[in-house]
C-alpha atoms as a PDB file:
ATOM      1  CA  MET A   1      10.443 -42.688  -1.041  1.00  0.00           C
ATOM      2  CA  ILE A   2      10.764 -40.512  -3.778  1.00  0.00           C
ATOM      3  CA  ARG A   3      14.707 -39.939  -4.392  1.00  0.00           C
ATOM      4  CA  THR A   4      15.579 -37.170  -6.579  1.00  0.00           C
ATOM      5  CA  VAL A   5      19.099 -35.772  -7.982  1.00  0.00           C
ATOM      6  CA  ILE A   6      20.644 -31.481  -6.355  1.00  0.00           C
ATOM      7  CA  SER A   7      23.228 -30.037  -7.379  1.00  0.00           C
ATOM      8  CA  ILE A   8      24.588 -27.802  -4.849  1.00  0.00           C
ATOM      9  CA  SER A   9      28.004 -26.392  -4.467  1.00  0.00           C
ATOM     10  CA  GLU A  10      31.522 -28.067  -3.281  1.00  0.00           C
ATOM     11  CA  ASP A  11      31.224 -26.277   0.294  1.00  0.00           C
ATOM     12  CA  ASP A  12      28.007 -26.950   0.871  1.00  0.00           C
ATOM     13  CA  LYS A  13      28.632 -30.677  -0.486  1.00  0.00           C
ATOM     14  CA  GLU A  14      31.666 -30.464   2.342  1.00  0.00           C
ATOM     15  CA  TRP A  15      29.665 -28.866   4.852  1.00  0.00           C
ATOM     16  CA  LEU A  16      27.396 -31.903   4.347  1.00  0.00           C
ATOM     17  CA  GLU A  17      29.655 -34.418   4.473  1.00  0.00           C
ATOM     18  CA  LYS A  18      31.067 -32.941   7.970  1.00  0.00           C
ATOM     19  CA  ARG A  19      28.024 -32.748   9.194  1.00  0.00           C
ATOM     20  CA  ALA A  20      26.884 -35.897   8.688  1.00  0.00           C
ATOM     21  CA  ALA A  21      29.871 -37.407  10.023  1.00  0.00           C
ATOM     22  CA  GLU A  22      29.445 -35.867  13.318  1.00  0.00           C
ATOM     23  CA  ASP A  23      26.327 -36.803  13.607  1.00  0.00           C
ATOM     24  CA  GLY A  24      26.787 -40.347  12.280  1.00  0.00           C
ATOM     25  CA  ILE A  25      24.193 -40.173   9.762  1.00  0.00           C
ATOM     26  CA  PRO A  26      24.197 -40.309   6.300  1.00  0.00           C
ATOM     27  CA  MET A  27      23.876 -37.120   4.221  1.00  0.00           C
ATOM     28  CA  THR A  28      20.350 -37.443   2.506  1.00  0.00           C
ATOM     29  CA  GLU A  29      19.271 -37.464   6.558  1.00  0.00           C
ATOM     30  CA  VAL A  30      20.833 -33.709   7.111  1.00  0.00           C
ATOM     31  CA  VAL A  31      18.826 -32.694   4.048  1.00  0.00           C
ATOM     32  CA  ARG A  32      15.678 -34.013   5.348  1.00  0.00           C
ATOM     33  CA  ARG A  33      16.313 -32.810   8.433  1.00  0.00           C
ATOM     34  CA  ALA A  34      16.550 -28.941   6.849  1.00  0.00           C
ATOM     35  CA  LEU A  35      13.753 -29.561   4.620  1.00  0.00           C
ATOM     36  CA  HIS A  36      11.789 -30.097   8.138  1.00  0.00           C
ATOM     37  CA  LEU A  37      13.102 -27.370   9.443  1.00  0.00           C
ATOM     38  CA  MET A  38      12.462 -24.937   6.899  1.00  0.00           C
ATOM     39  CA  GLN A  39       8.835 -25.860   6.283  1.00  0.00           C
ATOM     40  CA  GLU A  40       8.799 -25.689  10.128  1.00  0.00           C
ATOM     41  CA  VAL A  41       9.622 -22.021  10.834  1.00  0.00           C
ATOM     42  CA  GLU A  42       7.754 -21.175   7.129  1.00  0.00           C
ATOM     43  CA  GLU A  43       4.355 -22.518   8.740  1.00  0.00           C
ATOM     44  CA  ARG A  44       5.338 -20.300  12.295  1.00  0.00           C
ATOM     45  CA  GLU A  45       6.144 -17.140  10.123  1.00  0.00           C
ATOM     46  CA  LYS A  46       3.315 -17.656   7.079  1.00  0.00           C
ATOM     47  CA  PRO A  47       0.234 -20.182   8.243  1.00  0.00           C
ATOM     48  CA  PRO A  48      -1.880 -21.426   6.084  1.00  0.00           C
ATOM     49  CA  THR A  49      -5.209 -20.084   5.855  1.00  0.00           C
ATOM     50  CA  GLU A  50      -6.844 -22.656   7.474  1.00  0.00           C
ATOM     51  CA  THR A  51      -4.691 -22.579  10.286  1.00  0.00           C
ATOM     52  CA  LEU A  52      -5.277 -19.304  10.619  1.00  0.00           C
ATOM     53  CA  LEU A  53      -9.144 -19.542  10.753  1.00  0.00           C
ATOM     54  CA  ALA A  54      -9.005 -21.997  13.068  1.00  0.00           C
ATOM     55  CA  ARG A  55      -7.211 -19.603  15.563  1.00  0.00           C
ATOM     56  CA  THR A  56      -9.590 -16.903  15.141  1.00  0.00           C
ATOM     57  CA  ARG A  57     -12.229 -18.832  15.551  1.00  0.00           C
ATOM     58  CA  GLY A  58     -15.007 -17.550  17.928  1.00  0.00           C
ATOM     59  CA  LEU A  59     -12.483 -13.952  18.742  1.00  0.00           C
ATOM     60  CA  TRP A  60     -15.311 -11.338  17.533  1.00  0.00           C
ATOM     61  CA  LYS A  61     -17.527 -10.684  20.331  1.00  0.00           C
ATOM     62  CA  LYS A  62     -20.160  -8.762  19.462  1.00  0.00           C
ATOM     63  CA  GLY A  63     -22.938  -9.100  17.307  1.00  0.00           C
ATOM     64  CA  ASP A  64     -23.168 -10.123  13.785  1.00  0.00           C
ATOM     65  CA  GLY A  65     -19.562  -9.527  11.987  1.00  0.00           C
ATOM     66  CA  LEU A  66     -21.253  -8.720   8.648  1.00  0.00           C
ATOM     67  CA  GLU A  67     -23.293  -6.413  10.475  1.00  0.00           C
ATOM     68  CA  TYR A  68     -20.617  -3.833  11.523  1.00  0.00           C
ATOM     69  CA  GLN A  69     -18.659  -4.340   8.330  1.00  0.00           C
ATOM     70  CA  ARG A  70     -21.776  -2.842   5.878  1.00  0.00           C
ATOM     71  CA  ARG A  71     -22.366  -0.091   9.337  1.00  0.00           C
ATOM     72  CA  LEU A  72     -18.750   0.623   8.931  1.00  0.00           C
ATOM     73  CA  ARG A  73     -19.019   0.669   5.302  1.00  0.00           C
ATOM     74  CA  GLY A  74     -21.383   2.864   4.823  1.00  0.00           C
ATOM     75  CA  GLU A  75     -20.166   5.274   6.977  1.00  0.00           C
ATOM     76  CA  TRP A  76     -17.355   6.475   4.212  1.00  0.00           C
END
């Protein structure tokens, strides 16, 4: 695990201390959990291109997609 130093407001520090005490865990664990949650939300809202490609692979059922594209563009 890598250690890092961050600067936060006094209000955030107080909230961290309170939350850590309520959950019975170190403040660093609260920060780690918050980062993991933020990553999960971001991936749900904007998944990586590879994930999108995997989810949509095989959806097009009307023949050759490239040929379809060329035909549509030819109409322009």
